[in-house]
Amino acid sequence: MIYRDIIKITTKTDGFHDLTKQVGEIVGKSGAKDGLCNIFLQGTTASLAINENDRMLIEDFKKTLTALIPDDHLYQHSENAPSHLRAAMLNQNLTIPISKGKLMLGKWQSVLLFEFDTQDREREIVVTVQGV
């Protein structure tokens, strides 16, 4: 069985969103008890990660990525090159096992979306559940 749904959100510049609850609800709607959940972000200036949803840790991520890819560097791409480069360092695609109808995330793990673009965006995240 394959079940697919789309999460639509409006992101803020340099923000982040916890998608764990929404992804879990889609897994529940799918009826799958065992299988895999794939989460795919349609975009090149944001990314997905599995990590702890802690405000200070999120700020550490931002500071680290900004140190690695500074805003004030002269890039070939005119507008938002740092956004593209930061997003490329993480993922646009995650796969999480499903067991007993639930995502098999660890105690501190969350599905996070990091927005790196220089303007607010309408984002679509495709969630595909494959299971029995």
N, C-alpha and C. Protein backbone atom coordinates (compact mmCIF):
# COMPACT_ATOMS: atom_id res chain seq x y z
N MET A 1 0.84 -1.17 0.00
CA MET A 1 0.00 0.00 0.00
C MET A 1 0.89 1.24 0.00
N ILE A 2 0.51 2.20 -0.81
CA ILE A 2 1.19 3.50 -0.83
C ILE A 2 0.14 4.58 -0.58
N TYR A 3 0.46 5.48 0.35
CA TYR A 3 -0.42 6.60 0.68
C TYR A 3 0.42 7.88 0.63
N ARG A 4 -0.14 8.92 0.02
CA ARG A 4 0.62 10.16 -0.13
C ARG A 4 -0.25 11.35 0.26
N ASP A 5 0.37 12.30 0.94
CA ASP A 5 -0.31 13.54 1.31
C ASP A 5 0.73 14.67 1.27
N ILE A 6 0.26 15.89 1.28
CA ILE A 6 1.16 17.04 1.21
C ILE A 6 0.90 17.97 2.40
N ILE A 7 1.97 18.36 3.06
CA ILE A 7 1.91 19.36 4.12
C ILE A 7 2.24 20.70 3.46
N LYS A 8 1.36 21.69 3.66
CA LYS A 8 1.59 23.03 3.12
C LYS A 8 1.77 23.99 4.28
N ILE A 9 2.89 24.71 4.27
CA ILE A 9 3.14 25.68 5.33
C ILE A 9 3.75 26.95 4.75
N THR A 10 3.56 28.04 5.45
CA THR A 10 4.23 29.29 5.13
C THR A 10 5.40 29.44 6.08
N THR A 11 6.59 29.59 5.52
CA THR A 11 7.79 29.72 6.35
C THR A 11 8.21 31.18 6.44
N LYS A 12 8.90 31.50 7.50
CA LYS A 12 9.48 32.82 7.69
C LYS A 12 10.96 32.76 7.37
N THR A 13 11.50 33.87 6.91
CA THR A 13 12.92 33.95 6.59
C THR A 13 13.75 33.45 7.77
N ASP A 14 14.67 32.55 7.49
CA ASP A 14 15.62 32.04 8.48
C ASP A 14 14.91 31.39 9.68
N GLY A 15 13.75 30.76 9.44
CA GLY A 15 13.00 30.14 10.52
C GLY A 15 13.10 28.63 10.48
N PHE A 16 12.39 27.99 11.41
CA PHE A 16 12.31 26.54 11.40
C PHE A 16 10.93 26.12 11.86
N HIS A 17 10.55 24.89 11.46
CA HIS A 17 9.24 24.35 11.79
C HIS A 17 9.40 22.90 12.21
N ASP A 18 8.68 22.50 13.23
CA ASP A 18 8.64 21.11 13.66
C ASP A 18 7.46 20.45 12.93
N LEU A 19 7.76 19.48 12.08
CA LEU A 19 6.74 18.81 11.27
C LEU A 19 6.33 17.46 11.85
N THR A 20 6.87 17.09 13.00
CA THR A 20 6.68 15.75 13.56
C THR A 20 5.20 15.40 13.71
N LYS A 21 4.43 16.28 14.29
CA LYS A 21 3.00 16.01 14.53
C LYS A 21 2.26 15.82 13.21
N GLN A 22 2.49 16.70 12.25
CA GLN A 22 1.80 16.61 10.96
C GLN A 22 2.17 15.33 10.21
N VAL A 23 3.45 14.97 10.24
CA VAL A 23 3.88 13.73 9.58
C VAL A 23 3.25 12.53 10.28
N GLY A 24 3.24 12.53 11.60
CA GLY A 24 2.63 11.44 12.36
C GLY A 24 1.14 11.28 12.07
N GLU A 25 0.45 12.40 11.89
CA GLU A 25 -0.98 12.35 11.55
C GLU A 25 -1.19 11.72 10.17
N ILE A 26 -0.32 12.02 9.24
CA ILE A 26 -0.43 11.42 7.90
C ILE A 26 -0.18 9.92 7.98
N VAL A 27 0.80 9.52 8.76
CA VAL A 27 1.05 8.08 8.96
C VAL A 27 -0.20 7.42 9.53
N GLY A 28 -0.83 8.06 10.50
CA GLY A 28 -2.06 7.52 11.09
C GLY A 28 -3.18 7.39 10.07
N LYS A 29 -3.36 8.41 9.22
CA LYS A 29 -4.39 8.37 8.19
C LYS A 29 -4.13 7.29 7.15
N SER A 30 -2.86 6.96 6.95
CA SER A 30 -2.51 5.96 5.93
C SER A 30 -2.98 4.57 6.31
N GLY A 31 -3.10 4.31 7.60
CA GLY A 31 -3.47 2.97 8.06
C GLY A 31 -2.32 1.99 8.11
N ALA A 32 -1.12 2.41 7.73
CA ALA A 32 0.04 1.50 7.74
C ALA A 32 0.45 1.19 9.18
N LYS A 33 0.66 -0.07 9.45
CA LYS A 33 1.14 -0.50 10.77
C LYS A 33 2.65 -0.68 10.77
N ASP A 34 3.18 -1.16 9.66
CA ASP A 34 4.63 -1.34 9.50
C ASP A 34 5.02 -0.88 8.11
N GLY A 35 6.16 -0.20 8.01
CA GLY A 35 6.62 0.25 6.70
C GLY A 35 7.60 1.39 6.81
N LEU A 36 7.55 2.27 5.82
CA LEU A 36 8.45 3.41 5.75
C LEU A 36 7.67 4.68 5.44
N CYS A 37 8.14 5.77 5.99
CA CYS A 37 7.58 7.09 5.70
C CYS A 37 8.69 7.94 5.09
N ASN A 38 8.45 8.41 3.87
CA ASN A 38 9.39 9.29 3.20
C ASN A 38 8.84 10.71 3.23
N ILE A 39 9.69 11.66 3.60
CA ILE A 39 9.32 13.06 3.65
C ILE A 39 10.22 13.79 2.66
N PHE A 40 9.61 14.47 1.68
CA PHE A 40 10.37 15.13 0.63
C PHE A 40 9.98 16.59 0.54
N LEU A 41 10.94 17.47 0.67
CA LEU A 41 10.73 18.91 0.58
C LEU A 41 10.94 19.37 -0.86
N GLN A 42 9.92 20.01 -1.42
CA GLN A 42 10.02 20.53 -2.79
C GLN A 42 10.60 21.95 -2.73
N GLY A 43 11.91 22.05 -2.78
CA GLY A 43 12.55 23.36 -2.73
C GLY A 43 14.05 23.21 -2.59
N THR A 44 14.76 24.29 -2.91
CA THR A 44 16.22 24.24 -2.88
C THR A 44 16.83 25.25 -1.92
N THR A 45 16.00 25.97 -1.17
CA THR A 45 16.54 26.93 -0.21
C THR A 45 16.05 26.66 1.21
N ALA A 46 15.61 25.44 1.44
CA ALA A 46 15.23 24.98 2.77
C ALA A 46 15.65 23.52 2.86
N SER A 47 15.62 22.97 4.05
CA SER A 47 16.02 21.57 4.18
C SER A 47 15.33 20.92 5.37
N LEU A 48 15.43 19.60 5.40
CA LEU A 48 14.86 18.78 6.46
C LEU A 48 15.97 18.15 7.28
N ALA A 49 15.67 17.92 8.55
CA ALA A 49 16.62 17.22 9.42
C ALA A 49 15.84 16.51 10.51
N ILE A 50 16.44 15.45 11.01
CA ILE A 50 15.93 14.81 12.21
C ILE A 50 16.89 15.19 13.33
N ASN A 51 16.36 15.91 14.31
CA ASN A 51 17.18 16.32 15.43
C ASN A 51 16.28 16.77 16.57
N GLU A 52 16.88 17.21 17.64
CA GLU A 52 16.14 17.66 18.81
C GLU A 52 15.54 19.04 18.55
N ASN A 53 14.28 19.21 18.93
CA ASN A 53 13.62 20.50 18.79
C ASN A 53 13.89 21.32 20.05
N ASP A 54 15.05 21.92 20.08
CA ASP A 54 15.47 22.74 21.21
C ASP A 54 15.90 24.10 20.66
N ARG A 55 15.30 25.16 21.15
CA ARG A 55 15.53 26.51 20.61
C ARG A 55 17.02 26.87 20.59
N MET A 56 17.75 26.56 21.66
CA MET A 56 19.17 26.91 21.71
C MET A 56 19.97 26.09 20.70
N LEU A 57 19.61 24.82 20.53
CA LEU A 57 20.29 23.99 19.54
C LEU A 57 20.02 24.50 18.12
N ILE A 58 18.78 24.92 17.88
CA ILE A 58 18.43 25.48 16.57
C ILE A 58 19.28 26.72 16.29
N GLU A 59 19.45 27.57 17.29
CA GLU A 59 20.30 28.76 17.12
C GLU A 59 21.75 28.36 16.85
N ASP A 60 22.22 27.29 17.51
CA ASP A 60 23.57 26.79 17.24
C ASP A 60 23.71 26.32 15.79
N PHE A 61 22.68 25.63 15.28
CA PHE A 61 22.69 25.21 13.87
C PHE A 61 22.83 26.43 12.97
N LYS A 62 22.00 27.44 13.21
CA LYS A 62 22.02 28.64 12.38
C LYS A 62 23.39 29.32 12.41
N LYS A 63 23.94 29.48 13.61
CA LYS A 63 25.25 30.14 13.75
C LYS A 63 26.34 29.35 13.05
N THR A 64 26.30 28.03 13.18
CA THR A 64 27.32 27.19 12.55
C THR A 64 27.23 27.27 11.03
N LEU A 65 26.02 27.16 10.50
CA LEU A 65 25.86 27.24 9.04
C LEU A 65 26.22 28.62 8.49
N THR A 66 25.92 29.66 9.26
CA THR A 66 26.28 31.02 8.84
C THR A 66 27.79 31.22 8.88
N ALA A 67 28.46 30.61 9.86
CA ALA A 67 29.92 30.69 9.92
C ALA A 67 30.55 29.97 8.73
N LEU A 68 29.98 28.82 8.37
CA LEU A 68 30.51 28.06 7.23
C LEU A 68 30.20 28.74 5.89
N ILE A 69 29.01 29.34 5.82
CA ILE A 69 28.55 29.97 4.57
C ILE A 69 28.06 31.38 4.93
N PRO A 70 28.98 32.35 4.99
CA PRO A 70 28.61 33.70 5.42
C PRO A 70 27.73 34.43 4.40
N ASP A 71 26.89 35.32 4.92
CA ASP A 71 26.01 36.11 4.06
C ASP A 71 26.78 37.14 3.25
N ASP A 72 27.88 37.64 3.77
CA ASP A 72 28.57 38.77 3.14
C ASP A 72 29.67 38.36 2.15
N HIS A 73 29.75 37.09 1.84
CA HIS A 73 30.72 36.62 0.84
C HIS A 73 30.22 36.98 -0.56
N LEU A 74 31.13 37.19 -1.49
CA LEU A 74 30.75 37.48 -2.87
C LEU A 74 30.52 36.16 -3.61
N TYR A 75 29.26 35.87 -3.93
CA TYR A 75 28.88 34.62 -4.60
C TYR A 75 28.55 34.89 -6.06
N GLN A 76 28.65 33.88 -6.89
CA GLN A 76 28.31 34.00 -8.31
C GLN A 76 26.80 34.15 -8.51
N HIS A 77 26.02 33.42 -7.72
CA HIS A 77 24.56 33.51 -7.77
C HIS A 77 24.15 34.78 -7.04
N SER A 78 23.40 35.64 -7.67
CA SER A 78 23.21 37.00 -7.18
C SER A 78 22.40 37.15 -5.90
N GLU A 79 21.27 36.50 -5.80
CA GLU A 79 20.33 36.83 -4.73
C GLU A 79 20.55 36.07 -3.43
N ASN A 80 20.37 34.78 -3.49
CA ASN A 80 20.28 34.00 -2.26
C ASN A 80 21.19 32.77 -2.28
N ALA A 81 22.38 32.94 -2.80
CA ALA A 81 23.32 31.81 -2.86
C ALA A 81 23.54 31.17 -1.49
N PRO A 82 23.71 31.95 -0.40
CA PRO A 82 23.90 31.31 0.90
C PRO A 82 22.73 30.38 1.27
N SER A 83 21.52 30.77 0.88
CA SER A 83 20.34 29.94 1.17
C SER A 83 20.44 28.59 0.48
N HIS A 84 20.81 28.59 -0.78
CA HIS A 84 20.97 27.35 -1.55
C HIS A 84 22.10 26.49 -0.97
N LEU A 85 23.21 27.11 -0.65
CA LEU A 85 24.37 26.36 -0.16
C LEU A 85 24.10 25.75 1.21
N ARG A 86 23.45 26.49 2.11
CA ARG A 86 23.12 25.95 3.44
C ARG A 86 22.14 24.78 3.32
N ALA A 87 21.15 24.94 2.46
CA ALA A 87 20.17 23.87 2.27
C ALA A 87 20.83 22.61 1.73
N ALA A 88 21.81 22.78 0.85
CA ALA A 88 22.48 21.62 0.25
C ALA A 88 23.31 20.85 1.26
N MET A 89 23.66 21.47 2.37
CA MET A 89 24.45 20.79 3.40
C MET A 89 23.61 19.84 4.24
N LEU A 90 22.29 20.02 4.21
CA LEU A 90 21.39 19.14 4.95
C LEU A 90 20.64 18.27 3.94
N ASN A 91 19.36 18.02 4.17
CA ASN A 91 18.60 17.10 3.31
C ASN A 91 17.31 17.74 2.82
N GLN A 92 16.84 17.30 1.67
CA GLN A 92 15.48 17.60 1.24
C GLN A 92 14.62 16.35 1.31
N ASN A 93 15.18 15.29 1.86
CA ASN A 93 14.55 13.97 1.82
C ASN A 93 14.91 13.19 3.09
N LEU A 94 13.89 12.67 3.78
CA LEU A 94 14.11 11.83 4.96
C LEU A 94 13.26 10.57 4.85
N THR A 95 13.74 9.47 5.38
CA THR A 95 12.95 8.25 5.46
C THR A 95 13.00 7.74 6.89
N ILE A 96 11.81 7.47 7.46
CA ILE A 96 11.69 7.04 8.85
C ILE A 96 10.90 5.73 8.88
N PRO A 97 11.38 4.72 9.60
CA PRO A 97 10.61 3.48 9.73
C PRO A 97 9.31 3.72 10.50
N ILE A 98 8.33 2.88 10.19
CA ILE A 98 7.03 2.88 10.89
C ILE A 98 6.87 1.52 11.55
N SER A 99 6.48 1.53 12.81
CA SER A 99 6.17 0.29 13.53
C SER A 99 4.95 0.53 14.40
N LYS A 100 4.02 -0.41 14.38
CA LYS A 100 2.78 -0.30 15.16
C LYS A 100 2.04 1.00 14.86
N GLY A 101 2.12 1.43 13.59
CA GLY A 101 1.38 2.60 13.15
C GLY A 101 1.98 3.93 13.54
N LYS A 102 3.22 3.92 14.06
CA LYS A 102 3.85 5.16 14.53
C LYS A 102 5.26 5.31 13.96
N LEU A 103 5.69 6.56 13.83
CA LEU A 103 7.06 6.83 13.41
C LEU A 103 8.03 6.31 14.47
N MET A 104 9.07 5.65 14.06
CA MET A 104 10.06 5.10 15.00
C MET A 104 11.15 6.13 15.29
N LEU A 105 10.74 7.26 15.84
CA LEU A 105 11.69 8.30 16.23
C LEU A 105 12.13 8.07 17.67
N GLY A 106 13.37 8.43 17.95
CA GLY A 106 13.87 8.34 19.32
C GLY A 106 13.24 9.42 20.20
N LYS A 107 13.48 9.32 21.48
CA LYS A 107 12.87 10.20 22.47
C LYS A 107 13.04 11.69 22.14
N TRP A 108 14.20 12.09 21.70
CA TRP A 108 14.49 13.50 21.46
C TRP A 108 14.46 13.86 19.98
N GLN A 109 14.07 12.95 19.12
CA GLN A 109 14.09 13.22 17.68
C GLN A 109 12.79 13.87 17.20
N SER A 110 12.95 14.87 16.37
CA SER A 110 11.83 15.54 15.71
C SER A 110 12.15 15.71 14.23
N VAL A 111 11.11 15.83 13.43
CA VAL A 111 11.27 16.12 12.00
C VAL A 111 11.22 17.64 11.86
N LEU A 112 12.34 18.23 11.47
CA LEU A 112 12.46 19.69 11.42
C LEU A 112 12.66 20.19 9.99
N LEU A 113 12.04 21.31 9.69
CA LEU A 113 12.27 22.01 8.43
C LEU A 113 13.00 23.31 8.76
N PHE A 114 14.14 23.52 8.12
CA PHE A 114 14.91 24.75 8.26
C PHE A 114 14.72 25.60 7.01
N GLU A 115 14.28 26.82 7.20
CA GLU A 115 14.12 27.75 6.08
C GLU A 115 15.35 28.66 6.04
N PHE A 116 16.03 28.66 4.91
CA PHE A 116 17.23 29.48 4.75
C PHE A 116 17.03 30.65 3.80
N ASP A 117 15.90 30.73 3.13
CA ASP A 117 15.73 31.75 2.09
C ASP A 117 15.64 33.14 2.69
N THR A 118 15.82 34.13 1.83
CA THR A 118 15.84 35.53 2.24
C THR A 118 14.45 36.16 2.25
N GLN A 119 13.43 35.36 1.96
CA GLN A 119 12.05 35.84 2.02
C GLN A 119 11.14 34.70 2.46
N ASP A 120 9.97 35.07 2.97
CA ASP A 120 8.99 34.06 3.38
C ASP A 120 8.59 33.23 2.16
N ARG A 121 8.29 31.96 2.41
CA ARG A 121 7.96 31.05 1.31
C ARG A 121 6.74 30.20 1.65
N GLU A 122 6.03 29.79 0.60
CA GLU A 122 4.99 28.77 0.71
C GLU A 122 5.69 27.46 0.39
N ARG A 123 5.72 26.54 1.34
CA ARG A 123 6.43 25.28 1.15
C ARG A 123 5.45 24.12 1.07
N GLU A 124 5.80 23.15 0.22
CA GLU A 124 5.05 21.90 0.13
C GLU A 124 6.01 20.77 0.46
N ILE A 125 5.57 19.95 1.41
CA ILE A 125 6.36 18.80 1.84
C ILE A 125 5.54 17.56 1.52
N VAL A 126 6.06 16.71 0.65
CA VAL A 126 5.36 15.50 0.22
C VAL A 126 5.69 14.38 1.20
N VAL A 127 4.65 13.79 1.78
CA VAL A 127 4.83 12.68 2.71
C VAL A 127 4.25 11.43 2.06
N THR A 128 5.09 10.43 1.84
CA THR A 128 4.68 9.18 1.21
C THR A 128 4.89 8.04 2.20
N VAL A 129 3.82 7.30 2.45
CA VAL A 129 3.87 6.16 3.37
C VAL A 129 3.74 4.89 2.54
N GLN A 130 4.67 3.99 2.74
CA GLN A 130 4.62 2.68 2.09
C GLN A 130 4.63 1.64 3.19
N GLY A 131 3.59 0.82 3.23
CA GLY A 131 3.54 -0.17 4.30
C GLY A 131 2.35 -1.09 4.21
N VAL A 132 2.21 -1.85 5.26
CA VAL A 132 1.11 -2.81 5.37
C VAL A 132 0.36 -2.57 6.67
